[in-house]
C-alpha atoms as a PDB file:
ATOM      1  CA  MET A   1       4.386 -29.553  10.293  1.00  0.00           C
ATOM      2  CA  THR A   2       6.225 -28.994  13.617  1.00  0.00           C
ATOM      3  CA  PRO A   3       4.338 -28.309  16.924  1.00  0.00           C
ATOM      4  CA  GLU A   4       5.427 -24.628  16.444  1.00  0.00           C
ATOM      5  CA  ASP A   5       3.997 -24.480  12.972  1.00  0.00           C
ATOM      6  CA  LYS A   6       0.710 -25.970  14.163  1.00  0.00           C
ATOM      7  CA  ILE A   7       0.331 -23.397  16.902  1.00  0.00           C
ATOM      8  CA  ILE A   8       0.853 -20.552  14.376  1.00  0.00           C
ATOM      9  CA  TYR A   9      -1.368 -22.113  11.744  1.00  0.00           C
ATOM     10  CA  ASP A  10      -4.198 -22.689  14.252  1.00  0.00           C
ATOM     11  CA  ILE A  11      -4.043 -19.162  15.494  1.00  0.00           C
ATOM     12  CA  ALA A  12      -4.147 -17.838  11.865  1.00  0.00           C
ATOM     13  CA  ILE A  13      -7.141 -20.039  11.018  1.00  0.00           C
ATOM     14  CA  ASN A  14      -8.884 -18.946  14.224  1.00  0.00           C
ATOM     15  CA  ASN A  15      -8.295 -15.312  13.133  1.00  0.00           C
ATOM     16  CA  GLY A  16      -9.998 -15.886   9.730  1.00  0.00           C
ATOM     17  CA  PHE A  17      -7.078 -16.649   7.473  1.00  0.00           C
ATOM     18  CA  THR A  18      -7.788 -19.108   4.673  1.00  0.00           C
ATOM     19  CA  PRO A  19      -5.843 -22.379   4.867  1.00  0.00           C
ATOM     20  CA  ASN A  20      -3.302 -21.167   2.195  1.00  0.00           C
ATOM     21  CA  ALA A  21      -2.872 -17.772   3.779  1.00  0.00           C
ATOM     22  CA  ALA A  22      -2.407 -19.391   7.216  1.00  0.00           C
ATOM     23  CA  LEU A  23       0.444 -21.469   5.659  1.00  0.00           C
ATOM     24  CA  PHE A  24       1.968 -18.206   4.367  1.00  0.00           C
ATOM     25  CA  VAL A  25       1.910 -16.848   7.980  1.00  0.00           C
ATOM     26  CA  VAL A  26       3.635 -19.992   9.210  1.00  0.00           C
ATOM     27  CA  ALA A  27       6.273 -19.748   6.463  1.00  0.00           C
ATOM     28  CA  GLN A  28       6.790 -16.039   7.462  1.00  0.00           C
ATOM     29  CA  ALA A  29       7.302 -17.072  11.049  1.00  0.00           C
ATOM     30  CA  ARG A  30       9.819 -19.695   9.984  1.00  0.00           C
ATOM     31  CA  LEU A  31      11.607 -17.113   7.870  1.00  0.00           C
ATOM     32  CA  GLU A  32      11.719 -14.413  10.485  1.00  0.00           C
ATOM     33  CA  SER A  33      12.828 -16.862  13.234  1.00  0.00           C
ATOM     34  CA  ALA A  34      15.357 -18.933  11.248  1.00  0.00           C
ATOM     35  CA  ASP A  35      13.124 -21.911  11.594  1.00  0.00           C
ATOM     36  CA  TYR A  36      12.612 -21.274  15.310  1.00  0.00           C
ATOM     37  CA  LYS A  37      16.366 -21.278  15.977  1.00  0.00           C
ATOM     38  CA  SER A  38      17.335 -17.572  16.056  1.00  0.00           C
ATOM     39  CA  ASN A  39      18.419 -15.924  19.267  1.00  0.00           C
ATOM     40  CA  VAL A  40      15.508 -13.560  19.017  1.00  0.00           C
ATOM     41  CA  PHE A  41      13.155 -16.514  19.017  1.00  0.00           C
ATOM     42  CA  LYS A  42      15.058 -18.489  21.758  1.00  0.00           C
ATOM     43  CA  LYS A  43      15.496 -15.538  24.153  1.00  0.00           C
ATOM     44  CA  ASN A  44      12.079 -13.752  23.504  1.00  0.00           C
ATOM     45  CA  ASN A  45       9.679 -16.372  22.151  1.00  0.00           C
ATOM     46  CA  ASN A  46       9.364 -13.958  19.274  1.00  0.00           C
ATOM     47  CA  ALA A  47       8.543 -15.812  16.125  1.00  0.00           C
ATOM     48  CA  PHE A  48       8.116 -12.718  13.859  1.00  0.00           C
ATOM     49  CA  GLY A  49      11.045 -10.500  14.868  1.00  0.00           C
ATOM     50  CA  MET A  50       8.607  -7.859  16.293  1.00  0.00           C
ATOM     51  CA  LYS A  51      10.007  -4.877  18.104  1.00  0.00           C
ATOM     52  CA  TYR A  52       8.653  -3.919  21.443  1.00  0.00           C
ATOM     53  CA  ALA A  53       6.055  -1.165  21.185  1.00  0.00           C
ATOM     54  CA  GLY A  54       4.184  -1.558  24.475  1.00  0.00           C
ATOM     55  CA  GLN A  55       1.864  -4.223  23.025  1.00  0.00           C
ATOM     56  CA  PRO A  56      -0.265  -5.960  25.723  1.00  0.00           C
ATOM     57  CA  LEU A  57       1.167  -9.478  25.399  1.00  0.00           C
ATOM     58  CA  ALA A  58       4.853  -8.419  25.444  1.00  0.00           C
ATOM     59  CA  THR A  59       7.577  -6.899  27.576  1.00  0.00           C
ATOM     60  CA  LYS A  60      10.808  -5.346  26.544  1.00  0.00           C
ATOM     61  CA  GLY A  61      13.169  -8.110  25.443  1.00  0.00           C
ATOM     62  CA  THR A  62      16.704  -8.299  24.171  1.00  0.00           C
ATOM     63  CA  ARG A  63      18.300  -5.240  22.399  1.00  0.00           C
ATOM     64  CA  SER A  64      18.156  -5.234  18.632  1.00  0.00           C
ATOM     65  CA  PRO A  65      21.523  -5.155  16.723  1.00  0.00           C
ATOM     66  CA  ALA A  66      23.164  -1.859  15.840  1.00  0.00           C
ATOM     67  CA  SER A  67      21.965  -2.241  12.246  1.00  0.00           C
ATOM     68  CA  GLU A  68      18.458  -2.056  13.320  1.00  0.00           C
ATOM     69  CA  GLN A  69      18.805   0.759  15.838  1.00  0.00           C
ATOM     70  CA  VAL A  70      16.610   3.815  15.439  1.00  0.00           C
ATOM     71  CA  SER A  71      18.190   7.269  16.059  1.00  0.00           C
ATOM     72  CA  PRO A  72      17.581   9.055  18.359  1.00  0.00           C
ATOM     73  CA  PRO A  73      17.184   5.969  20.479  1.00  0.00           C
ATOM     74  CA  SER A  74      13.721   5.287  21.772  1.00  0.00           C
ATOM     75  CA  ALA A  75      13.101   3.689  25.130  1.00  0.00           C
ATOM     76  CA  ASN A  76      11.468   0.715  23.462  1.00  0.00           C
ATOM     77  CA  ILE A  77      11.760   0.565  19.707  1.00  0.00           C
ATOM     78  CA  ASN A  78      15.428  -0.612  19.847  1.00  0.00           C
ATOM     79  CA  PHE A  79      14.372  -3.765  21.761  1.00  0.00           C
ATOM     80  CA  TYR A  80      12.596  -6.851  20.561  1.00  0.00           C
ATOM     81  CA  ALA A  81       9.241  -7.736  22.006  1.00  0.00           C
ATOM     82  CA  LYS A  82       9.471 -10.586  24.547  1.00  0.00           C
ATOM     83  CA  PHE A  83       6.562 -12.994  24.981  1.00  0.00           C
ATOM     84  CA  ASN A  84       5.750 -15.561  27.583  1.00  0.00           C
ATOM     85  CA  SER A  85       5.130 -18.172  24.845  1.00  0.00           C
ATOM     86  CA  LEU A  86       5.056 -18.784  21.167  1.00  0.00           C
ATOM     87  CA  GLU A  87       1.268 -18.608  21.413  1.00  0.00           C
ATOM     88  CA  ASP A  88       1.432 -15.079  22.738  1.00  0.00           C
ATOM     89  CA  SER A  89       3.825 -14.075  19.961  1.00  0.00           C
ATOM     90  CA  ALA A  90       1.464 -15.477  17.331  1.00  0.00           C
ATOM     91  CA  LYS A  91      -1.592 -14.004  18.964  1.00  0.00           C
ATOM     92  CA  ASP A  92       0.065 -10.486  19.051  1.00  0.00           C
ATOM     93  CA  THR A  93       1.231 -10.617  15.486  1.00  0.00           C
ATOM     94  CA  ILE A  94      -1.722 -12.340  13.902  1.00  0.00           C
ATOM     95  CA  GLY A  95      -4.572 -11.178  16.161  1.00  0.00           C
ATOM     96  CA  ARG A  96      -3.390  -7.671  16.703  1.00  0.00           C
ATOM     97  CA  LEU A  97      -0.899  -6.466  14.050  1.00  0.00           C
ATOM     98  CA  PHE A  98      -2.285  -8.326  11.090  1.00  0.00           C
ATOM     99  CA  ASN A  99      -5.858  -7.164  12.093  1.00  0.00           C
ATOM    100  CA  ILE A 100      -4.935  -3.538  11.478  1.00  0.00           C
ATOM    101  CA  LYS A 101      -5.358  -1.813   8.192  1.00  0.00           C
ATOM    102  CA  ARG A 102      -1.983  -0.405   7.034  1.00  0.00           C
ATOM    103  CA  ASN A 103      -1.166   1.650   4.021  1.00  0.00           C
ATOM    104  CA  GLY A 104      -4.396   0.646   2.370  1.00  0.00           C
ATOM    105  CA  VAL A 105      -3.964  -3.065   3.033  1.00  0.00           C
ATOM    106  CA  THR A 106      -6.933  -4.466   4.934  1.00  0.00           C
ATOM    107  CA  PRO A 107      -6.882  -7.510   7.228  1.00  0.00           C
ATOM    108  CA  ALA A 108      -9.248  -9.230   4.738  1.00  0.00           C
ATOM    109  CA  MET A 109      -6.749  -8.866   1.907  1.00  0.00           C
ATOM    110  CA  LEU A 110      -3.979 -10.521   3.965  1.00  0.00           C
ATOM    111  CA  LYS A 111      -6.324 -13.253   5.220  1.00  0.00           C
ATOM    112  CA  ASN A 112      -7.337 -14.113   1.643  1.00  0.00           C
ATOM    113  CA  ALA A 113      -4.032 -13.931  -0.033  1.00  0.00           C
ATOM    114  CA  SER A 114      -3.936 -16.806  -2.565  1.00  0.00           C
ATOM    115  CA  THR A 115      -0.252 -16.904  -3.555  1.00  0.00           C
ATOM    116  CA  PRO A 116       3.035 -16.331  -1.766  1.00  0.00           C
ATOM    117  CA  LEU A 117       3.727 -13.377  -4.117  1.00  0.00           C
ATOM    118  CA  GLU A 118       0.371 -11.757  -3.396  1.00  0.00           C
ATOM    119  CA  TYR A 119       1.020 -12.237   0.417  1.00  0.00           C
ATOM    120  CA  ALA A 120       4.523 -10.796   0.073  1.00  0.00           C
ATOM    121  CA  GLU A 121       3.309  -7.850  -1.938  1.00  0.00           C
ATOM    122  CA  LEU A 122       0.730  -7.125   0.696  1.00  0.00           C
ATOM    123  CA  GLN A 123       3.206  -7.290   3.599  1.00  0.00           C
ATOM    124  CA  LYS A 124       5.635  -5.083   1.600  1.00  0.00           C
ATOM    125  CA  LYS A 125       2.913  -2.447   1.153  1.00  0.00           C
ATOM    126  CA  ARG A 126       2.229  -2.695   4.869  1.00  0.00           C
ATOM    127  CA  GLY A 127       5.963  -1.868   5.512  1.00  0.00           C
ATOM    128  CA  TYR A 128       6.660  -5.224   7.116  1.00  0.00           C
ATOM    129  CA  PHE A 129      10.051  -5.784   5.426  1.00  0.00           C
ATOM    130  CA  GLY A 130      12.675  -3.883   3.470  1.00  0.00           C
ATOM    131  CA  GLY A 131      13.592  -6.118   0.488  1.00  0.00           C
ATOM    132  CA  THR A 132      11.573  -6.773  -2.659  1.00  0.00           C
ATOM    133  CA  ALA A 133       8.326  -8.648  -2.590  1.00  0.00           C
ATOM    134  CA  VAL A 134       9.596 -11.018  -5.264  1.00  0.00           C
ATOM    135  CA  ASN A 135      12.539 -12.044  -3.133  1.00  0.00           C
ATOM    136  CA  TYR A 136      10.439 -12.309  -0.022  1.00  0.00           C
ATOM    137  CA  ALA A 137       7.916 -14.473  -1.857  1.00  0.00           C
ATOM    138  CA  LYS A 138      10.762 -16.782  -2.920  1.00  0.00           C
ATOM    139  CA  LEU A 139      11.841 -17.125   0.711  1.00  0.00           C
ATOM    140  CA  ILE A 140       8.229 -17.856   1.755  1.00  0.00           C
ATOM    141  CA  ILE A 141       8.046 -20.580  -0.818  1.00  0.00           C
ATOM    142  CA  SER A 142      11.283 -22.113   0.397  1.00  0.00           C
ATOM    143  CA  LYS A 143       9.759 -22.194   3.857  1.00  0.00           C
ATOM    144  CA  LEU A 144       6.587 -23.729   2.527  1.00  0.00           C
ATOM    145  CA  LYS A 145       8.627 -26.587   1.258  1.00  0.00           C
ATOM    146  CA  LYS A 146      10.175 -27.047   4.689  1.00  0.00           C
ATOM    147  CA  ILE A 147       6.739 -27.142   6.337  1.00  0.00           C
ATOM    148  CA  ASN A 148       5.768 -29.962   3.992  1.00  0.00           C
ATOM    149  CA  ALA A 149       2.210 -28.801   4.198  1.00  0.00           C
ATOM    150  CA  ASN A 150      -0.606 -29.062   1.832  1.00  0.00           C
ATOM    151  CA  TYR A 151      -0.317 -25.727   0.177  1.00  0.00           C
ATOM    152  CA  THR A 152      -2.344 -25.749  -2.998  1.00  0.00           C
ATOM    153  CA  PRO A 153      -1.317 -23.237  -5.604  1.00  0.00           C
ATOM    154  CA  PRO A 154      -4.284 -21.585  -7.337  1.00  0.00           C
ATOM    155  CA  ASN A 155      -5.530 -23.360 -10.395  1.00  0.00           C
ATOM    156  CA  LYS A 156      -3.874 -21.372 -13.232  1.00  0.00           C
ATOM    157  CA  THR A 157      -6.230 -22.813 -15.911  1.00  0.00           C
ATOM    158  CA  ALA A 158      -9.359 -21.712 -13.988  1.00  0.00           C
ATOM    159  CA  GLY A 159      -8.608 -18.104 -14.915  1.00  0.00           C
ATOM    160  CA  LEU A 160      -8.612 -18.495 -18.733  1.00  0.00           C
ATOM    161  CA  SER A 161     -10.306 -15.591 -20.333  1.00  0.00           C
ATOM    162  CA  PRO A 162     -13.323 -16.173 -22.548  1.00  0.00           C
ATOM    163  CA  LEU A 163     -11.399 -14.522 -25.347  1.00  0.00           C
ATOM    164  CA  LEU A 164      -8.598 -17.029 -25.126  1.00  0.00           C
ATOM    165  CA  ILE A 165     -11.018 -19.911 -25.000  1.00  0.00           C
ATOM    166  CA  PHE A 166     -12.826 -18.527 -28.051  1.00  0.00           C
ATOM    167  CA  GLY A 167      -9.510 -18.182 -29.873  1.00  0.00           C
ATOM    168  CA  LEU A 168      -8.522 -21.763 -29.124  1.00  0.00           C
ATOM    169  CA  LEU A 169     -11.975 -23.043 -30.234  1.00  0.00           C
ATOM    170  CA  PHE A 170     -11.733 -21.005 -33.384  1.00  0.00           C
ATOM    171  CA  MET A 171      -8.283 -22.364 -34.161  1.00  0.00           C
ATOM    172  CA  LEU A 172      -9.557 -25.975 -33.653  1.00  0.00           C
ATOM    173  CA  TYR A 173     -12.589 -25.228 -35.844  1.00  0.00           C
ATOM    174  CA  THR A 174     -10.431 -23.817 -38.670  1.00  0.00           C
ATOM    175  CA  LEU A 175      -7.948 -26.680 -38.479  1.00  0.00           C
ATOM    176  CA  LYS A 176     -10.685 -29.286 -38.978  1.00  0.00           C
ATOM    177  CA  ARG A 177     -11.852 -27.568 -42.247  1.00  0.00           C
END
């Protein structure tokens, strides 16, 4: 985990995200900032590609590309948010934006997401990105591998239904006869 990853992870944990969900937030920041190398990140300390909307920790930063321009142009929405630091970017996104209920997705749902797909589906429902949740989840997974963190996928066997267990036991019983 890089120092940037650690800053974002700690802010997510301090805002109530589970350890796995906090890693998804870090992976999302890496994805949105091209591993902290994009011009938006370098020029604006903006790890999540957030647009300027008058948020308290930001000022109007660099203009967004023509492909992202809103028509008719708004005074602010066609600009990225500029933050004084990565910490401010993470605090704004995690502490403000991810703590707002949007389109039926509560902050608790985001904070407790247990898989990259669940996290991506929740962010998609919130309107965070335009692609498919499956593709976004694949990108999150690729960034999790780069983080080299201790992401622990949920135990798939823990969710075996009682009916399936009964069926397996019944099969074993009849085979022994």
